[in-house]
């Protein structure tokens, strides 16, 4: 037989069309269920609807009622009233619930095409451009101040708890690890005595796991039992951790260890009878791949990450100060030159002298990396009064004045990863000089062009600048919601991340990520971030 409304072919004797739901022979059309079709359980609940969130339940299926059910119910009541029990063993088994039918279609109606999903609103050109150019910031973890040690937090402030519950993180997280220590001991109840006290050492990774057991390293150097870590601000830098351990057991000596990226011993200081390995670390961390080690007065060495000597006070004839890998200065009167490791001078700060510029020398505070040096001088007062102080930042490697010699430079910080923070009232990276005459001319031009203006009466501007004088980051590059002012301060953290802070506190309120000399983005900073080595900020 065929449906008289939609033409669908069906088995003979059908009472409803299985396609459009039309009824035949006066039978009532079945009620359409609004829930998902599923066999109900004891609670009568249906299965979750397709596409519903996990754990969501579909509405309970409606019970179908009709004329036959009503008549049957009435008959049962009537029979019960006269005490007659009826049973029909020949009755056909109750039919299975009919499948859920589609709504009844109008006669002659054509099945509609499935409605296509609405197209998403096309993104604007600006949004598409912004999304395409927006960089993805690398995941990162930091050390934050916490009790008597540090905690491990990611860039959003989520805290990772060390797997060893008693562990104290002794160093801020950097280069993939934070050093942790914890104590164990045994207790003899009979004698009420604690014994076998042991300090354990391990490197904890970003997941909080004790990834590298350092106890064998300490034991091999003669340190067992109780001990402690010494150092003001120590952490991994340049793939090395400078670890000073104070032995607390009788007969044991303190050790000065340099660990590599895997936690293995790169070299040990302080054990040799003489020479560079007889020295101890004079700094808490490597800076630009260089560590200053001191064996005594006038017996100093600049060491690379493998313990090789780059320069020494004995060879230089004076104490040596690192200015970054490949550069150093001598701490000697009247020697204002920058030297290479072959002992040859590369730059002389006195070369800025000329005209009314006098007293050119290397500043006391230095960025300490990438061959960037602070040069100071004075401009003579033609009327016999006090001279004007001049300062500038010069890149020996590129032969460029990052901040021209003049009165405008107000602040700068330690250089890291070939960039540094500067704050000045003048230009940044706008002048280049390769010799003293050009430097003196740059100073005169800067002073004359400013018409007497100085950093005390001109607006200050800050930037993170490369060793070649290019501005890598300034406040205009960050989201306005971060409220970074033009004269911000910046303190280096680790692995290309900088903390932005203000003059009232050194605690960062924003983070800036710079990788390979490129600005990747800026975000809010977690609270209580730790101070890292090589992160000093200086005033001129």
Protein backbone atom coordinates (compact mmCIF):
# COMPACT_ATOMS: atom_id res chain seq x y z
CA UNK A 1 0.00 0.00 0.00
CA UNK A 2 1.01 3.62 -0.51
CA UNK A 3 0.56 6.71 1.64
CA UNK A 4 -2.19 8.90 0.23
CA UNK A 5 -0.36 12.03 1.35
CA UNK A 6 3.32 11.57 0.50
CA UNK A 7 3.27 8.44 -1.71
CA UNK A 8 5.60 6.46 0.55
CA UNK A 9 5.33 2.65 0.03
CA UNK A 10 4.53 0.70 3.24
CA UNK A 11 3.56 -2.86 4.27
CA UNK A 12 -0.11 -3.70 3.89
CA UNK A 13 -2.14 -3.08 7.04
CA UNK A 14 0.01 -0.19 8.23
CA UNK A 15 -1.87 2.33 10.35
CA UNK A 16 0.65 5.11 10.09
CA UNK A 17 2.98 6.32 7.36
CA UNK A 18 6.56 5.65 8.39
CA UNK A 19 7.73 8.71 6.49
CA UNK A 20 5.28 11.56 6.97
CA UNK A 21 3.31 10.15 9.96
CA UNK A 22 -0.12 10.35 8.33
CA UNK A 23 -2.76 8.09 9.96
CA UNK A 24 -4.95 5.63 8.02
CA UNK A 25 -8.35 4.24 8.90
CA UNK A 26 -9.13 6.94 11.45
CA UNK A 27 -6.29 6.01 13.80
CA UNK A 28 -4.82 8.86 15.80
CA UNK A 29 -1.36 10.06 14.87
CA UNK A 30 1.33 9.15 17.39
CA UNK A 31 2.61 11.89 19.71
CA UNK A 32 6.13 13.04 18.84
CA UNK A 33 8.69 12.64 21.66
CA UNK A 34 10.96 15.65 22.30
CA UNK A 35 13.76 13.62 23.91
CA UNK A 36 16.34 11.34 22.33
CA UNK A 37 14.98 7.84 21.59
CA UNK A 38 16.51 5.37 24.04
CA UNK A 39 15.35 2.57 26.26
CA UNK A 40 14.59 3.97 29.69
CA UNK A 41 16.13 2.63 32.87
CA UNK A 42 14.60 2.29 36.28
CA UNK A 43 14.62 6.04 36.63
CA UNK A 44 12.93 6.51 33.30
CA UNK A 45 15.74 8.79 32.06
CA UNK A 46 16.86 8.78 28.43
CA UNK A 47 20.40 8.67 27.10
CA UNK A 48 22.34 11.93 26.62
CA UNK A 49 21.41 13.71 23.44
CA UNK A 50 23.92 13.73 20.62
CA UNK A 51 26.30 16.64 20.98
CA UNK A 52 25.32 17.33 24.60
CA UNK A 53 28.11 18.02 27.11
CA UNK A 54 29.42 14.95 28.85
CA UNK A 55 27.30 14.12 31.84
CA UNK A 56 24.21 15.93 30.49
CA UNK A 57 21.01 13.90 30.35
CA UNK A 58 18.28 14.13 27.74
CA UNK A 59 14.76 15.02 28.92
CA UNK A 60 12.61 12.09 30.04
CA UNK A 61 10.70 10.53 27.16
CA UNK A 62 6.98 11.34 27.12
CA UNK A 63 4.57 8.42 27.70
CA UNK A 64 2.21 7.89 24.84
CA UNK A 65 -1.52 7.64 25.68
CA UNK A 66 -4.53 6.89 23.50
CA UNK A 67 -8.06 5.65 23.26
CA UNK A 68 -7.19 1.96 23.59
CA UNK A 69 -5.23 2.53 26.76
CA UNK A 70 -8.14 4.49 28.25
CA UNK A 71 -10.69 1.76 27.42
CA UNK A 72 -8.43 -0.94 28.83
CA UNK A 73 -8.00 1.00 32.02
CA UNK A 74 -11.76 1.46 32.39
CA UNK A 75 -12.37 -2.25 31.83
CA UNK A 76 -9.89 -3.23 34.47
CA UNK A 77 -11.56 -0.93 36.98
CA UNK A 78 -15.02 -2.34 36.16
CA UNK A 79 -13.89 -5.91 36.48
CA UNK A 80 -12.15 -5.21 39.72
CA UNK A 81 -15.33 -3.73 41.10
CA UNK A 82 -17.21 -7.06 40.73
CA UNK A 83 -14.27 -9.14 41.85
CA UNK A 84 -13.64 -10.83 38.48
CA UNK A 85 -10.08 -11.51 37.45
CA UNK A 86 -9.55 -11.60 33.69
CA UNK A 87 -6.66 -13.23 31.95
CA UNK A 88 -6.31 -13.83 28.24
CA UNK A 89 -3.49 -16.28 27.48
CA UNK A 90 -4.06 -15.87 23.79
CA UNK A 91 -3.61 -12.12 23.73
CA UNK A 92 -0.87 -10.96 21.40
CA UNK A 93 2.29 -9.70 23.09
CA UNK A 94 2.37 -5.96 23.68
CA UNK A 95 3.91 -4.29 20.65
CA UNK A 96 7.26 -2.57 20.98
CA UNK A 97 7.15 1.22 21.21
CA UNK A 98 6.69 2.73 17.79
CA UNK A 99 9.67 4.62 16.42
CA UNK A 100 9.64 8.36 16.74
CA UNK A 101 7.98 9.72 13.67
CA UNK A 102 8.59 12.93 11.86
CA UNK A 103 5.87 15.61 12.03
CA UNK A 104 2.92 15.13 9.71
CA UNK A 105 3.48 16.74 6.35
CA UNK A 106 0.81 18.63 4.48
CA UNK A 107 -0.74 16.74 1.53
CA UNK A 108 1.39 17.11 -1.56
CA UNK A 109 4.21 18.66 0.36
CA UNK A 110 7.75 17.98 -0.82
CA UNK A 111 10.34 16.93 1.71
CA UNK A 112 12.41 19.97 2.56
CA UNK A 113 16.15 19.91 2.03
CA UNK A 114 18.17 19.72 5.27
CA UNK A 115 18.86 23.24 6.48
CA UNK A 116 22.51 24.13 6.09
CA UNK A 117 24.34 25.41 9.12
CA UNK A 118 24.62 29.17 9.18
CA UNK A 119 27.96 30.39 7.96
CA UNK A 120 30.14 31.97 10.61
CA UNK A 121 30.38 35.73 10.35
CA UNK A 122 33.51 36.44 8.32
CA UNK A 123 36.32 37.95 10.36
CA UNK A 124 37.23 41.51 9.61
CA UNK A 125 40.43 42.21 7.76
CA UNK A 126 41.88 43.91 10.83
CA UNK A 127 41.07 40.94 13.07
CA UNK A 128 42.50 38.50 10.55
CA UNK A 129 45.65 40.57 10.24
CA UNK A 130 46.02 40.83 14.00
CA UNK A 131 45.51 37.10 14.48
CA UNK A 132 47.98 36.23 11.76
CA UNK A 133 50.72 38.47 13.15
CA UNK A 134 50.17 37.85 16.84
CA UNK A 135 53.07 35.69 18.12
CA UNK A 136 52.66 32.75 20.43
CA UNK A 137 54.55 33.23 23.69
CA UNK A 138 56.59 30.24 24.84
CA UNK A 139 55.56 28.54 28.07
CA UNK A 140 57.77 29.63 30.94
CA UNK A 141 58.17 29.15 34.67
CA UNK A 142 59.69 31.48 37.26
CA UNK A 143 60.79 31.49 40.85
CA UNK A 144 58.62 33.46 43.26
CA UNK A 145 59.43 34.31 46.86
CA UNK A 146 57.77 31.85 49.22
CA UNK A 147 58.60 31.36 52.90
CA UNK A 148 62.23 30.37 53.33
CA UNK A 149 62.74 29.52 49.65
CA UNK A 150 61.10 29.89 46.28
CA UNK A 151 57.95 28.59 44.67
CA UNK A 152 57.60 27.51 41.06
CA UNK A 153 55.03 29.52 39.07
CA UNK A 154 54.18 29.81 35.39
CA UNK A 155 53.64 33.06 33.53
CA UNK A 156 50.01 33.15 34.69
CA UNK A 157 50.80 32.62 38.38
CA UNK A 158 49.85 28.93 38.58
CA UNK A 159 51.95 27.25 41.26
CA UNK A 160 53.62 23.86 40.76
CA UNK A 161 54.17 22.00 44.02
CA UNK A 162 57.37 19.92 44.23
CA UNK A 163 56.79 16.18 44.31
CA UNK A 164 58.95 15.99 47.44
CA UNK A 165 56.70 17.59 50.03
CA UNK A 166 59.55 18.69 52.32
CA UNK A 167 61.71 20.16 49.56
CA UNK A 168 62.81 23.79 49.71
CA UNK A 169 63.60 25.37 46.36
CA UNK A 170 66.92 27.13 46.86
CA UNK A 171 67.18 28.85 43.45
CA UNK A 172 64.71 30.58 41.12
CA UNK A 173 63.67 28.47 38.17
CA UNK A 174 65.82 28.96 35.04
CA UNK A 175 67.16 26.88 32.15
CA UNK A 176 64.66 24.15 32.98
CA UNK A 177 65.50 23.60 36.65
CA UNK A 178 65.29 24.86 40.21
CA UNK A 179 67.64 23.46 42.85
CA UNK A 180 65.84 21.91 45.82
CA UNK A 181 66.99 20.45 49.13
CA UNK A 182 65.31 18.50 51.92
CA UNK A 183 66.31 16.73 55.11
CA UNK A 184 65.88 13.14 56.24
CA UNK A 185 66.88 11.39 59.47
CA UNK A 186 66.34 8.25 61.51
CA UNK A 187 64.96 8.11 65.05
CA UNK A 188 65.93 5.60 67.73
CA UNK A 189 62.99 5.39 70.14
CA UNK A 190 64.93 3.37 72.71
CA UNK A 191 67.55 6.05 73.11
CA UNK A 192 65.31 8.94 72.03
CA UNK A 193 67.98 9.95 69.58
CA UNK A 194 67.87 11.34 66.03
CA UNK A 195 70.67 10.03 63.84
CA UNK A 196 71.75 9.62 60.22
CA UNK A 197 70.69 13.17 59.33
CA UNK A 198 71.13 13.79 55.62
CA UNK A 199 70.64 16.79 53.34
CA UNK A 200 69.43 15.74 49.90
CA UNK A 201 69.90 17.70 46.67
CA UNK A 202 67.97 17.47 43.41
CA UNK A 203 67.07 19.53 40.36
CA UNK A 204 63.31 20.01 40.09
CA UNK A 205 61.74 20.47 36.66
CA UNK A 206 58.70 22.54 35.66
CA UNK A 207 56.35 19.67 36.60
CA UNK A 208 57.73 19.68 40.15
CA UNK A 209 59.49 16.32 39.75
CA UNK A 210 62.92 15.70 41.27
CA UNK A 211 64.35 15.12 37.78
CA UNK A 212 68.07 14.91 38.65
CA UNK A 213 69.41 13.38 41.87
CA UNK A 214 72.48 15.36 42.94
CA UNK A 215 73.32 13.30 46.03
CA UNK A 216 75.85 11.18 44.10
CA UNK A 217 77.53 14.33 42.80
CA UNK A 218 77.86 15.72 46.34
CA UNK A 219 79.05 12.39 47.72
CA UNK A 220 81.73 12.16 45.01
CA UNK A 221 83.08 15.54 46.13
CA UNK A 222 83.19 14.44 49.77
CA UNK A 223 79.98 16.01 51.10
CA UNK A 224 77.62 13.71 53.00
CA UNK A 225 75.34 14.17 55.98
CA UNK A 226 74.20 17.68 56.74
CA UNK A 227 75.06 20.66 54.54
CA UNK A 228 73.54 23.86 53.17
CA UNK A 229 73.54 26.06 50.07
CA UNK A 230 75.33 29.42 50.08
CA UNK A 231 74.84 32.33 47.72
CA UNK A 232 72.84 35.54 47.53
CA UNK A 233 71.17 35.15 44.13
CA UNK A 234 72.16 31.98 42.33
CA UNK A 235 70.38 30.18 39.52
CA UNK A 236 71.10 28.55 36.21
CA UNK A 237 72.54 31.01 33.67
CA UNK A 238 74.25 30.23 30.37
CA UNK A 239 73.49 26.56 30.96
CA UNK A 240 75.51 26.44 34.19
CA UNK A 241 74.64 26.43 37.88
CA UNK A 242 77.27 27.71 40.31
CA UNK A 243 76.65 25.75 43.50
CA UNK A 244 78.45 26.54 46.76
CA UNK A 245 77.75 23.94 49.44
CA UNK A 246 78.68 24.52 53.08
CA UNK A 247 79.56 21.20 54.75
CA UNK A 248 78.33 20.82 58.33
CA UNK A 249 79.93 17.51 59.23
CA UNK A 250 83.29 17.26 60.95
CA UNK A 251 86.21 16.63 58.64
CA UNK A 252 84.41 17.80 55.50
CA UNK A 253 85.21 20.88 53.41
CA UNK A 254 83.00 23.30 51.55
CA UNK A 255 82.74 22.67 47.82
CA UNK A 256 82.33 24.97 44.81
CA UNK A 257 80.68 23.13 41.95
CA UNK A 258 79.66 24.12 38.43
CA UNK A 259 76.87 21.91 37.08
CA UNK A 260 75.92 21.63 33.42
CA UNK A 261 72.45 21.53 31.82
CA UNK A 262 71.93 17.87 32.79
CA UNK A 263 73.05 18.33 36.39
CA UNK A 264 76.43 16.67 35.81
CA UNK A 265 79.61 18.17 37.22
CA UNK A 266 81.17 20.45 34.60
CA UNK A 267 84.12 21.35 36.85
CA UNK A 268 84.95 21.96 40.50
CA UNK A 269 86.68 24.99 41.98
CA UNK A 270 88.70 25.30 45.16
CA UNK A 271 90.27 21.83 45.20
CA UNK A 272 93.43 22.37 43.14
CA UNK A 273 96.62 23.44 44.90
CA UNK A 274 97.13 26.37 42.56
CA UNK A 275 95.95 27.85 39.31
CA UNK A 276 92.40 28.70 38.20
CA UNK A 277 90.74 25.66 39.77
CA UNK A 278 92.19 26.62 43.14
CA UNK A 279 89.97 29.72 43.07
CA UNK A 280 86.44 30.09 44.31
CA UNK A 281 83.53 31.79 42.54
CA UNK A 282 83.55 35.56 42.97
CA UNK A 283 80.07 35.77 41.41
CA UNK A 284 76.91 33.80 42.02
CA UNK A 285 76.30 33.00 38.36
CA UNK A 286 77.80 33.08 34.91
CA UNK A 287 77.15 36.26 32.93
CA UNK A 288 77.37 36.15 29.15
CA UNK A 289 79.26 32.85 29.37
CA UNK A 290 81.91 34.15 31.79
CA UNK A 291 82.54 33.49 35.49
CA UNK A 292 84.94 35.47 37.67
CA UNK A 293 86.94 33.22 40.03
CA UNK A 294 89.32 34.53 42.67
CA UNK A 295 92.12 32.61 44.41
CA UNK A 296 93.47 35.60 46.30
CA UNK A 297 94.38 39.26 46.01
CA UNK A 298 95.61 39.84 42.48
CA UNK A 299 94.99 36.20 41.55
CA UNK A 300 91.81 36.33 39.49
CA UNK A 301 90.57 34.45 36.45
CA UNK A 302 87.82 34.81 33.90
CA UNK A 303 86.59 31.28 33.11
CA UNK A 304 84.33 29.97 30.38
CA UNK A 305 81.57 27.40 30.92
CA UNK A 306 84.09 24.54 30.72
CA UNK A 307 86.51 26.04 33.25
CA UNK A 308 89.02 27.26 30.66
CA UNK A 309 90.89 30.50 31.37
CA UNK A 310 89.83 33.41 29.15
CA UNK A 311 91.90 36.06 30.89
CA UNK A 312 93.79 36.32 34.17
CA UNK A 313 95.11 39.03 36.44
CA UNK A 314 98.58 37.53 36.22
CA UNK A 315 98.68 37.90 32.44
CA UNK A 316 96.98 41.31 32.45
CA UNK A 317 99.14 42.71 35.24
CA UNK A 318 96.04 43.95 37.08
CA UNK A 319 92.69 42.63 38.34
CA UNK A 320 90.36 41.81 35.45
CA UNK A 321 86.67 42.71 35.07
CA UNK A 322 84.50 40.96 32.50
CA UNK A 323 82.56 43.11 30.01
CA UNK A 324 81.01 40.09 28.33
CA UNK A 325 82.38 37.15 26.40
CA UNK A 326 85.36 38.37 24.39
CA UNK A 327 85.89 41.60 26.37
CA UNK A 328 87.42 42.71 29.65
CA UNK A 329 88.91 45.75 31.33
CA UNK A 330 91.80 46.11 33.77
CA UNK A 331 91.10 47.54 37.19
CA UNK A 332 94.14 49.76 37.08
CA UNK A 333 94.66 53.55 37.41
CA UNK A 334 94.70 55.47 34.15
CA UNK A 335 93.80 52.42 32.05
CA UNK A 336 90.44 53.10 30.46
CA UNK A 337 90.71 50.58 27.66
CA UNK A 338 88.66 47.54 26.70
CA UNK A 339 90.72 44.45 25.81
CA UNK A 340 90.16 41.26 23.87
CA UNK A 341 91.27 37.89 25.19
CA UNK A 342 94.45 38.18 23.14
CA UNK A 343 95.43 41.16 25.29
CA UNK A 344 95.00 43.70 22.51
CA UNK A 345 93.07 46.93 23.22
CA UNK A 346 89.78 47.24 21.33
CA UNK A 347 88.53 50.61 22.58
CA UNK A 348 89.89 53.46 24.67
CA UNK A 349 87.37 55.56 26.59
CA UNK A 350 89.86 58.42 26.67
CA UNK A 351 89.40 58.69 22.91
CA UNK A 352 86.24 60.75 23.50
CA UNK A 353 88.40 63.61 24.79
CA UNK A 354 88.65 66.55 22.47
CA UNK A 355 87.53 70.15 22.29
CA UNK A 356 85.78 70.92 25.55
CA UNK A 357 85.22 67.20 26.40
CA UNK A 358 87.72 65.97 28.99
CA UNK A 359 88.18 63.10 31.44
CA UNK A 360 86.82 60.30 29.25
CA UNK A 361 86.87 57.00 31.13
CA UNK A 362 85.01 53.75 31.70
CA UNK A 363 82.24 54.06 34.28
CA UNK A 364 82.34 52.21 37.58
CA UNK A 365 79.10 50.33 36.92
CA UNK A 366 78.97 48.39 33.68
CA UNK A 367 76.33 46.34 31.81
CA UNK A 368 78.77 43.42 32.01
CA UNK A 369 77.89 41.70 28.72
CA UNK A 370 78.04 41.95 24.93
CA UNK A 371 80.96 44.40 25.02
CA UNK A 372 78.62 47.29 25.87
CA UNK A 373 80.37 49.83 28.10
CA UNK A 374 79.39 52.92 30.05
CA UNK A 375 81.65 55.85 29.13
CA UNK A 376 81.73 58.97 31.26
CA UNK A 377 83.38 62.36 30.68
CA UNK A 378 82.96 66.05 31.46
CA UNK A 379 82.29 69.14 29.44
CA UNK A 380 84.45 72.03 30.56
CA UNK A 381 82.71 75.17 31.74
CA UNK A 382 84.08 78.06 29.66
CA UNK A 383 83.35 80.44 32.56
CA UNK A 384 85.34 78.53 35.14
CA UNK A 385 82.44 77.03 37.11
CA UNK A 386 81.52 73.39 37.59
CA UNK A 387 81.79 71.16 34.55
CA UNK A 388 78.86 69.22 33.14
CA UNK A 389 78.84 65.44 33.56
CA UNK A 390 78.47 63.39 30.40
CA UNK A 391 77.67 59.70 29.97
CA UNK A 392 76.90 57.36 27.09
CA UNK A 393 76.65 53.66 26.24
CA UNK A 394 79.03 52.40 23.60
CA UNK A 395 78.99 49.01 21.86
CA UNK A 396 82.58 47.95 21.28
CA UNK A 397 81.60 45.08 19.00
CA UNK A 398 79.49 47.16 16.61
CA UNK A 399 81.33 50.44 17.07
CA UNK A 400 78.02 52.16 17.81
CA UNK A 401 76.87 54.64 20.43
CA UNK A 402 73.68 53.08 21.75
CA UNK A 403 73.09 56.23 23.79
CA UNK A 404 75.28 59.12 22.56
CA UNK A 405 77.66 60.71 25.01
CA UNK A 406 75.81 63.60 26.63
CA UNK A 407 73.74 64.66 29.61
CA UNK A 408 70.64 62.65 28.75
CA UNK A 409 71.39 59.12 29.98
CA UNK A 410 69.65 58.51 33.30
CA UNK A 411 69.65 54.73 33.87
CA UNK A 412 70.68 51.41 32.37
CA UNK A 413 70.73 47.76 33.41
CA UNK A 414 72.78 44.62 33.04
CA UNK A 415 72.96 43.39 29.47
CA UNK A 416 71.67 39.89 28.72
CA UNK A 417 71.14 38.03 25.45
CA UNK A 418 72.72 40.96 23.56
CA UNK A 419 70.08 43.45 24.73
CA UNK A 420 69.81 45.85 27.67
CA UNK A 421 67.40 48.34 29.22
CA UNK A 422 68.16 52.06 28.99
CA UNK A 423 66.33 55.21 30.10
CA UNK A 424 67.30 58.53 28.62
CA UNK A 425 65.95 61.96 27.73
CA UNK A 426 67.74 61.86 24.39
CA UNK A 427 68.05 59.67 21.36
CA UNK A 428 68.71 55.95 21.37
CA UNK A 429 70.97 54.37 18.80
CA UNK A 430 70.89 57.47 16.60
CA UNK A 431 74.65 58.15 16.54
CA UNK A 432 77.54 55.93 15.55
CA UNK A 433 81.19 56.57 16.27
CA UNK A 434 84.27 54.48 15.70
CA UNK A 435 86.95 56.74 17.09
CA UNK A 436 87.51 59.44 19.65
CA UNK A 437 87.05 62.38 17.33
CA UNK A 438 83.65 61.16 16.18
CA UNK A 439 82.61 60.46 19.77
CA UNK A 440 83.57 63.97 20.86
CA UNK A 441 81.68 65.41 17.89
CA UNK A 442 78.64 63.32 18.81
CA UNK A 443 78.78 64.67 22.35
CA UNK A 444 79.03 68.26 21.14
CA UNK A 445 76.15 67.77 18.69
CA UNK A 446 73.97 66.17 21.34
CA UNK A 447 74.65 68.96 23.81
CA UNK A 448 74.27 71.78 21.31
CA UNK A 449 71.16 70.36 19.69
CA UNK A 450 69.46 70.00 23.05
CA UNK A 451 69.80 73.75 23.68
CA UNK A 452 70.77 73.20 27.28
CA UNK A 453 68.16 70.54 27.98
CA UNK A 454 69.16 67.65 30.25
CA UNK A 455 67.65 64.54 31.79
CA UNK A 456 66.47 66.66 34.70
CA UNK A 457 64.14 68.84 32.62
CA UNK A 458 63.27 66.66 29.62
CA UNK A 459 60.88 63.72 29.41
CA UNK A 460 62.56 60.36 29.92
CA UNK A 461 62.03 57.50 27.53
CA UNK A 462 62.89 53.85 28.15
CA UNK A 463 63.66 51.04 25.73
CA UNK A 464 65.20 47.60 25.59
CA UNK A 465 67.92 47.97 22.99
CA UNK A 466 70.16 45.59 21.08
CA UNK A 467 73.96 45.72 21.12
CA UNK A 468 73.78 47.32 17.67
CA UNK A 469 71.55 50.13 18.91
CA UNK A 470 68.19 48.92 17.57
CA UNK A 471 65.13 49.43 19.76
CA UNK A 472 63.72 45.96 20.46
CA UNK A 473 60.94 47.06 22.82
CA UNK A 474 59.38 50.24 24.09
CA UNK A 475 56.05 51.03 25.75
CA UNK A 476 54.27 51.68 22.45
CA UNK A 477 54.65 48.01 21.51
CA UNK A 478 52.69 46.66 24.49
CA UNK A 479 48.94 46.37 24.98
CA UNK A 480 47.62 49.61 26.48
CA UNK A 481 45.82 47.56 29.15
CA UNK A 482 49.20 46.77 30.74
CA UNK A 483 49.68 50.49 31.43
CA UNK A 484 53.42 50.45 30.80
CA UNK A 485 54.67 54.06 30.90
CA UNK A 486 57.24 55.46 28.50
CA UNK A 487 59.86 55.69 31.26
CA UNK A 488 59.46 52.11 32.58
CA UNK A 489 62.19 50.18 34.34
CA UNK A 490 63.12 46.66 33.22
CA UNK A 491 64.87 43.91 35.15
CA UNK A 492 66.12 40.75 33.43
CA UNK A 493 64.66 37.45 34.63
CA UNK A 494 65.77 34.49 32.53
CA UNK A 495 65.54 32.83 29.12
CA UNK A 496 64.60 36.03 27.30
CA UNK A 497 61.96 37.25 29.79
CA UNK A 498 62.12 40.72 31.34
CA UNK A 499 60.15 42.08 34.28
CA UNK A 500 58.70 45.57 33.88
CA UNK A 501 58.61 47.55 37.12
CA UNK A 502 58.43 51.15 38.33
CA UNK A 503 60.61 53.38 40.49
CA UNK A 504 58.71 52.57 43.67
CA UNK A 505 59.44 48.83 43.67
CA UNK A 506 61.57 46.32 41.83
CA UNK A 507 58.72 43.77 41.71
CA UNK A 508 57.56 43.33 38.09
CA UNK A 509 53.95 44.07 37.20
CA UNK A 510 54.33 43.02 33.54
CA UNK A 511 56.43 40.54 31.59
CA UNK A 512 58.09 41.12 28.23
CA UNK A 513 59.38 38.24 26.11
CA UNK A 514 62.31 38.84 23.74
CA UNK A 515 63.77 35.92 21.81
CA UNK A 516 66.66 36.19 19.34
CA UNK A 517 66.50 39.96 19.49
CA UNK A 518 62.78 40.11 18.63
CA UNK A 519 59.89 41.24 20.81
CA UNK A 520 57.27 38.47 21.03
CA UNK A 521 54.74 39.91 23.44
CA UNK A 522 53.92 41.31 26.88
CA UNK A 523 51.56 40.03 29.57
CA UNK A 524 50.71 40.66 33.23
CA UNK A 525 53.28 39.34 35.71
CA UNK A 526 52.61 36.90 38.56
CA UNK A 527 53.07 38.26 42.05
CA UNK A 528 56.25 38.09 44.16
CA UNK A 529 58.61 37.16 41.33
CA UNK A 530 62.13 36.51 42.55
CA UNK A 531 65.21 38.57 41.76
CA UNK A 532 67.53 36.80 39.34
CA UNK A 533 71.28 37.20 38.91
CA UNK A 534 72.58 39.61 36.27
CA UNK A 535 69.56 41.87 36.73
CA UNK A 536 70.97 45.01 38.32
CA UNK A 537 69.69 48.48 37.37
CA UNK A 538 72.04 51.45 37.64
CA UNK A 539 71.71 55.21 37.89
CA UNK A 540 74.15 57.48 36.07
